[in-house]
Amino acid sequence: MVVGQNGTPTSPCPDISFPVNRPARRREWSTELDAELRAQEASVVRLKNHNTIPRAFWPGGDRSLSGIAIRAFLLGVTLGLSSLFSLALLLYYQNRLWRAPFFIATLCVFHFLEFWTTAAYNTPTAFVSSFLLTNGSRYRQAHSFALVETLITSYFFPHWQALVNPLPIILLGLVMITVGQVVRSLAMAQAGTNFNHQVQSQKNEGHELVTSGLYSIFRHPSYFGFFWWGLGTQVALGNCVSFAGYAAVLWYFFNTRINHEEKHLVKFFGEEYKAYKERTRVWIPFI
């Protein structure tokens, strides 16, 4: 009861305490109104409680939103500057050093698409590491050597580079890069949650054998894509030493990885995978 100054009751009101977030417009009390207001209060409390956000998304976590944002931003900036620098050297200055910033731009596209494709089509496994920027010391050493080689040959041996890397060879390299990148990205998209950057030794729930789309032609299209993309970069740059090194290292890596992975796939899918293996090819020489 609400009592006036003269001690007489003015209007009936239940003996309750309204939540803090009482409505701006007065409404007659009901059990539905009470439940609604208490739910609003609870939602405000949850939003104020930082523990509702998984620690993986905090700075330094393996899904850190700030870590993802800064990497994507830096890749974009580097791609833009490298592309402009390469085009300026090629078209305005007609300088063979255009190859170095071109290579950096190509790497930026590759690493950004690795994360973006994973985030778009395989969200549960989208981590900061999905950019593959820390893809092992040998990976970084190979690209560093290729960059140094193209700088040395472009600056000190332009006549040799012109001999081994004429325009048709450069165009061939660009085709290899494009085909390799498109096939790899499409393969990751078509595989969806069945794709993983790490070889899986145990079959996860929902893991299916993908045999449609690109997988009806290529048994390991993502490996095919990376193999020919890697060789294409060296063809476009005119790197003879790095081309031989990339070919040997990539072939050995994928041959070993595919043999190891297919042992698990046979264990996961049995005769279904054996039949799939018989009717498809890897399309990497001698694998």
Protein backbone atom coordinates (compact mmCIF):
# COMPACT_ATOMS: atom_id res chain seq x y z
CA MET A 1 0.00 0.00 0.00
CA VAL A 2 1.14 3.56 -0.73
CA VAL A 3 0.08 5.89 2.14
CA GLY A 4 -0.49 9.62 1.71
CA GLN A 5 0.49 12.37 4.11
CA ASN A 6 -2.84 12.09 5.93
CA GLY A 7 -2.30 8.40 6.55
CA THR A 8 -4.92 7.18 4.12
CA PRO A 9 -4.11 4.70 1.35
CA THR A 10 -3.82 6.23 -2.14
CA SER A 11 -3.31 3.28 -4.54
CA PRO A 12 -2.64 -0.44 -4.23
CA CYS A 13 0.93 -1.56 -4.94
CA PRO A 14 2.59 -4.91 -4.26
CA ASP A 15 5.24 -5.01 -1.58
CA ILE A 16 8.22 -5.60 -3.94
CA SER A 17 11.50 -3.95 -4.89
CA PHE A 18 11.68 -3.06 -8.58
CA PRO A 19 15.01 -3.70 -10.32
CA VAL A 20 17.30 -0.77 -11.00
CA ASN A 21 16.31 -0.66 -14.67
CA ARG A 22 12.70 0.33 -14.03
CA PRO A 23 10.81 1.41 -17.16
CA ALA A 24 10.50 5.10 -17.99
CA ARG A 25 6.72 4.72 -18.35
CA ARG A 26 4.81 3.46 -15.32
CA ARG A 27 3.00 0.20 -15.93
CA GLU A 28 0.78 -1.90 -13.78
CA TRP A 29 2.79 -4.56 -12.04
CA SER A 30 2.47 -8.14 -13.22
CA THR A 31 4.53 -11.29 -13.04
CA GLU A 32 5.42 -10.84 -16.73
CA LEU A 33 6.65 -7.30 -16.10
CA ASP A 34 8.73 -8.46 -13.15
CA ALA A 35 10.34 -11.23 -15.24
CA GLU A 36 11.05 -8.80 -18.08
CA LEU A 37 12.75 -6.26 -15.85
CA ARG A 38 14.82 -8.85 -14.05
CA ALA A 39 15.98 -10.27 -17.39
CA GLN A 40 17.05 -6.77 -18.51
CA GLU A 41 18.96 -6.29 -15.28
CA ALA A 42 20.73 -9.62 -15.68
CA SER A 43 21.75 -8.77 -19.26
CA VAL A 44 23.30 -5.48 -18.11
CA VAL A 45 25.25 -7.30 -15.41
CA ARG A 46 26.55 -9.83 -17.96
CA LEU A 47 27.71 -7.07 -20.30
CA LYS A 48 29.56 -5.37 -17.46
CA ASN A 49 31.24 -8.62 -16.48
CA HIS A 50 34.41 -9.02 -18.58
CA ASN A 51 34.59 -12.70 -17.70
CA THR A 52 31.82 -13.33 -20.25
CA ILE A 53 34.39 -12.67 -23.02
CA PRO A 54 36.65 -15.72 -23.49
CA ARG A 55 40.27 -15.00 -22.70
CA ALA A 56 41.27 -16.26 -26.15
CA PHE A 57 39.88 -12.99 -27.60
CA TRP A 58 41.82 -10.77 -25.18
CA PRO A 59 45.11 -9.15 -26.29
CA GLY A 60 47.74 -11.86 -26.39
CA GLY A 61 45.20 -14.66 -26.78
CA ASP A 62 45.30 -17.12 -29.66
CA ARG A 63 42.12 -15.52 -31.08
CA SER A 64 43.04 -11.96 -30.07
CA LEU A 65 40.88 -9.52 -32.03
CA SER A 66 43.53 -6.83 -31.72
CA GLY A 67 46.19 -9.28 -32.92
CA ILE A 68 44.10 -10.20 -35.96
CA ALA A 69 43.31 -6.56 -36.73
CA ILE A 70 46.90 -5.32 -36.56
CA ARG A 71 48.19 -8.15 -38.75
CA ALA A 72 45.50 -7.60 -41.38
CA PHE A 73 46.16 -3.85 -41.29
CA LEU A 74 49.92 -4.23 -41.70
CA LEU A 75 49.52 -6.77 -44.51
CA GLY A 76 47.18 -4.38 -46.30
CA VAL A 77 49.51 -1.40 -45.92
CA THR A 78 52.52 -3.44 -47.02
CA LEU A 79 50.59 -4.80 -50.01
CA GLY A 80 49.59 -1.31 -51.12
CA LEU A 81 53.04 0.22 -50.75
CA SER A 82 54.81 -2.75 -52.35
CA SER A 83 52.43 -2.77 -55.31
CA LEU A 84 52.86 0.95 -55.93
CA PHE A 85 56.64 0.73 -55.59
CA SER A 86 56.82 -2.25 -57.94
CA LEU A 87 54.66 -0.57 -60.59
CA ALA A 88 56.65 2.66 -60.32
CA LEU A 89 59.95 0.84 -60.80
CA LEU A 90 58.57 -1.20 -63.69
CA LEU A 91 56.56 1.38 -65.65
CA TYR A 92 58.13 4.74 -64.80
CA TYR A 93 61.79 3.96 -64.07
CA GLN A 94 61.93 0.72 -66.12
CA ASN A 95 64.13 -0.73 -63.40
CA ARG A 96 64.51 -4.47 -62.91
CA LEU A 97 64.34 -4.04 -59.12
CA TRP A 98 60.54 -4.12 -59.46
CA ARG A 99 60.74 -7.84 -58.73
CA ALA A 100 61.58 -7.43 -55.03
CA PRO A 101 58.50 -5.38 -53.99
CA PHE A 102 56.39 -7.57 -56.31
CA PHE A 103 57.49 -10.63 -54.34
CA ILE A 104 56.60 -8.93 -51.05
CA ALA A 105 53.16 -7.99 -52.40
CA THR A 106 52.57 -11.59 -53.48
CA LEU A 107 53.44 -12.83 -49.99
CA CYS A 108 51.03 -10.30 -48.45
CA VAL A 109 48.15 -11.57 -50.61
CA PHE A 110 48.94 -15.18 -49.73
CA HIS A 111 49.12 -14.68 -45.97
CA PHE A 112 46.01 -12.51 -45.82
CA LEU A 113 43.97 -15.05 -47.82
CA GLU A 114 45.16 -17.85 -45.54
CA PHE A 115 43.47 -16.19 -42.58
CA TRP A 116 40.48 -14.74 -44.42
CA THR A 117 39.53 -18.04 -46.04
CA THR A 118 39.90 -19.86 -42.74
CA ALA A 119 37.81 -17.27 -40.89
CA ALA A 120 35.08 -17.25 -43.56
CA TYR A 121 34.73 -21.01 -44.19
CA ASN A 122 36.30 -22.72 -41.16
CA THR A 123 35.59 -20.27 -38.36
CA PRO A 124 36.16 -22.68 -35.43
CA THR A 125 39.85 -22.98 -36.38
CA ALA A 126 40.45 -19.29 -37.12
CA PHE A 127 43.32 -18.27 -34.86
CA VAL A 128 45.93 -15.52 -35.06
CA SER A 129 48.34 -18.21 -36.26
CA SER A 130 46.09 -18.85 -39.29
CA PHE A 131 47.90 -16.01 -41.07
CA LEU A 132 50.87 -18.45 -41.20
CA LEU A 133 53.25 -15.53 -40.64
CA THR A 134 55.26 -17.67 -38.20
CA ASN A 135 55.36 -20.68 -40.48
CA GLY A 136 58.72 -22.02 -39.32
CA SER A 137 62.29 -20.77 -39.65
CA ARG A 138 62.95 -22.67 -42.89
CA TYR A 139 59.94 -21.03 -44.53
CA ARG A 140 61.25 -17.57 -43.63
CA GLN A 141 64.79 -18.47 -44.68
CA ALA A 142 63.60 -19.64 -48.11
CA HIS A 143 61.71 -16.42 -48.82
CA SER A 144 64.55 -14.29 -47.48
CA PHE A 145 67.03 -16.07 -49.76
CA ALA A 146 64.72 -15.61 -52.74
CA LEU A 147 64.39 -11.90 -52.00
CA VAL A 148 68.17 -11.48 -51.73
CA GLU A 149 68.74 -13.42 -54.94
CA THR A 150 66.35 -11.29 -56.97
CA LEU A 151 67.93 -8.09 -55.59
CA ILE A 152 71.44 -9.26 -56.48
CA THR A 153 70.59 -10.49 -59.99
CA SER A 154 68.44 -7.44 -60.77
CA TYR A 155 71.13 -4.97 -59.70
CA PHE A 156 74.44 -6.65 -60.51
CA PHE A 157 73.54 -9.06 -63.35
CA PRO A 158 70.75 -7.43 -65.40
CA HIS A 159 71.93 -8.97 -68.69
CA TRP A 160 71.89 -12.47 -67.21
CA GLN A 161 68.45 -11.87 -65.77
CA ALA A 162 67.16 -10.61 -69.11
CA LEU A 163 68.46 -13.80 -70.74
CA VAL A 164 66.84 -16.27 -68.31
CA ASN A 165 63.75 -14.22 -67.48
CA PRO A 166 62.23 -12.68 -70.63
CA LEU A 167 58.64 -11.46 -70.74
CA PRO A 168 57.07 -14.85 -71.71
CA ILE A 169 58.74 -16.48 -68.68
CA ILE A 170 57.52 -13.69 -66.41
CA LEU A 171 53.97 -14.17 -67.71
CA LEU A 172 54.27 -17.93 -67.14
CA GLY A 173 55.25 -17.24 -63.54
CA LEU A 174 52.26 -14.92 -63.08
CA VAL A 175 49.93 -17.62 -64.42
CA MET A 176 51.43 -20.19 -62.04
CA ILE A 177 51.03 -17.80 -59.09
CA THR A 178 47.41 -17.03 -59.97
CA VAL A 179 46.39 -20.63 -60.59
CA GLY A 180 48.14 -21.83 -57.45
CA GLN A 181 46.57 -19.16 -55.24
CA VAL A 182 43.06 -19.61 -56.66
CA VAL A 183 43.17 -23.40 -56.36
CA ARG A 184 44.45 -23.27 -52.78
CA SER A 185 41.91 -20.70 -51.60
CA LEU A 186 39.00 -22.46 -53.35
CA ALA A 187 40.10 -25.79 -51.89
CA MET A 188 40.08 -24.35 -48.37
CA ALA A 189 36.64 -22.85 -48.97
CA GLN A 190 35.16 -26.05 -50.42
CA ALA A 191 36.59 -28.20 -47.64
CA GLY A 192 35.15 -25.88 -44.98
CA THR A 193 35.51 -27.29 -41.49
CA ASN A 194 37.20 -30.39 -42.91
CA PHE A 195 40.32 -28.35 -43.73
CA ASN A 196 43.09 -27.91 -41.19
CA HIS A 197 46.59 -26.45 -41.43
CA GLN A 198 47.82 -29.29 -39.21
CA VAL A 199 47.66 -32.98 -40.10
CA GLN A 200 45.01 -34.58 -37.88
CA SER A 201 45.88 -37.90 -36.26
CA GLN A 202 42.38 -38.37 -34.81
CA LYS A 203 39.05 -38.12 -36.61
CA ASN A 204 36.99 -35.27 -35.21
CA GLU A 205 33.22 -35.36 -34.92
CA GLY A 206 31.68 -34.22 -38.20
CA HIS A 207 34.89 -34.81 -40.21
CA GLU A 208 33.83 -35.84 -43.71
CA LEU A 209 35.70 -36.91 -46.82
CA VAL A 210 35.26 -34.15 -49.41
CA THR A 211 35.21 -35.55 -52.94
CA SER A 212 33.27 -32.89 -54.87
CA GLY A 213 34.34 -29.68 -56.58
CA LEU A 214 38.11 -29.34 -56.90
CA TYR A 215 38.50 -32.48 -54.80
CA SER A 216 37.02 -34.53 -57.63
CA ILE A 217 40.05 -33.57 -59.74
CA PHE A 218 42.82 -32.98 -57.18
CA ARG A 219 43.37 -35.30 -54.23
CA HIS A 220 45.13 -32.54 -52.29
CA PRO A 221 44.26 -29.27 -54.07
CA SER A 222 45.59 -27.02 -51.29
CA TYR A 223 49.01 -28.71 -51.57
CA PHE A 224 48.87 -28.52 -55.37
CA GLY A 225 48.09 -24.81 -55.10
CA PHE A 226 50.92 -24.00 -52.72
CA PHE A 227 53.46 -26.08 -54.67
CA TRP A 228 52.83 -24.34 -57.99
CA TRP A 229 52.33 -20.94 -56.34
CA GLY A 230 55.76 -21.24 -54.71
CA LEU A 231 57.47 -22.26 -57.96
CA GLY A 232 55.58 -19.55 -59.85
CA THR A 233 57.00 -16.82 -57.64
CA GLN A 234 60.53 -17.89 -58.49
CA VAL A 235 59.76 -18.17 -62.21
CA ALA A 236 58.37 -14.62 -62.21
CA LEU A 237 61.40 -13.34 -60.28
CA GLY A 238 63.90 -15.14 -62.52
CA ASN A 239 65.56 -16.84 -59.52
CA CYS A 240 67.38 -19.90 -60.87
CA VAL A 241 68.97 -20.97 -57.56
CA SER A 242 65.83 -20.38 -55.52
CA PHE A 243 63.68 -22.15 -58.11
CA ALA A 244 65.78 -25.30 -57.77
CA GLY A 245 65.74 -24.99 -53.99
CA TYR A 246 61.98 -24.40 -53.81
CA ALA A 247 61.30 -27.33 -56.13
CA ALA A 248 63.41 -29.74 -54.06
CA VAL A 249 62.22 -28.58 -50.64
CA LEU A 250 58.54 -28.33 -51.55
CA TRP A 251 58.53 -31.69 -53.30
CA TYR A 252 60.15 -33.40 -50.32
CA PHE A 253 57.84 -31.64 -47.86
CA PHE A 254 54.61 -32.52 -49.66
CA ASN A 255 55.68 -36.05 -50.51
CA THR A 256 56.39 -36.72 -46.84
CA ARG A 257 53.28 -34.90 -45.62
CA ILE A 258 50.90 -36.58 -48.09
CA ASN A 259 52.20 -40.08 -47.28
CA HIS A 260 51.81 -39.35 -43.56
CA GLU A 261 48.37 -37.77 -43.93
CA GLU A 262 46.97 -40.49 -46.15
CA LYS A 263 47.80 -43.17 -43.58
CA HIS A 264 45.43 -41.38 -41.21
CA LEU A 265 42.82 -40.82 -43.92
CA VAL A 266 42.76 -44.54 -44.75
CA LYS A 267 42.28 -45.21 -41.03
CA PHE A 268 39.46 -42.64 -40.85
CA PHE A 269 37.55 -43.56 -44.02
CA GLY A 270 38.79 -47.04 -44.96
CA GLU A 271 37.77 -48.36 -48.38
CA GLU A 272 36.04 -45.09 -49.24
CA TYR A 273 39.35 -43.24 -49.21
CA LYS A 274 41.20 -46.06 -51.01
CA ALA A 275 38.66 -45.86 -53.85
CA TYR A 276 38.94 -42.05 -53.90
CA LYS A 277 42.72 -42.31 -54.03
CA GLU A 278 42.55 -44.63 -57.02
CA ARG A 279 40.48 -42.24 -59.12
CA THR A 280 42.28 -38.96 -58.33
CA ARG A 281 45.78 -37.53 -58.66
CA VAL A 282 47.86 -35.09 -56.67
CA TRP A 283 49.16 -33.32 -59.80
CA ILE A 284 52.57 -32.72 -58.23
CA PRO A 285 55.26 -34.51 -60.28
CA PHE A 286 56.20 -38.00 -58.99
CA ILE A 287 53.82 -37.91 -56.01
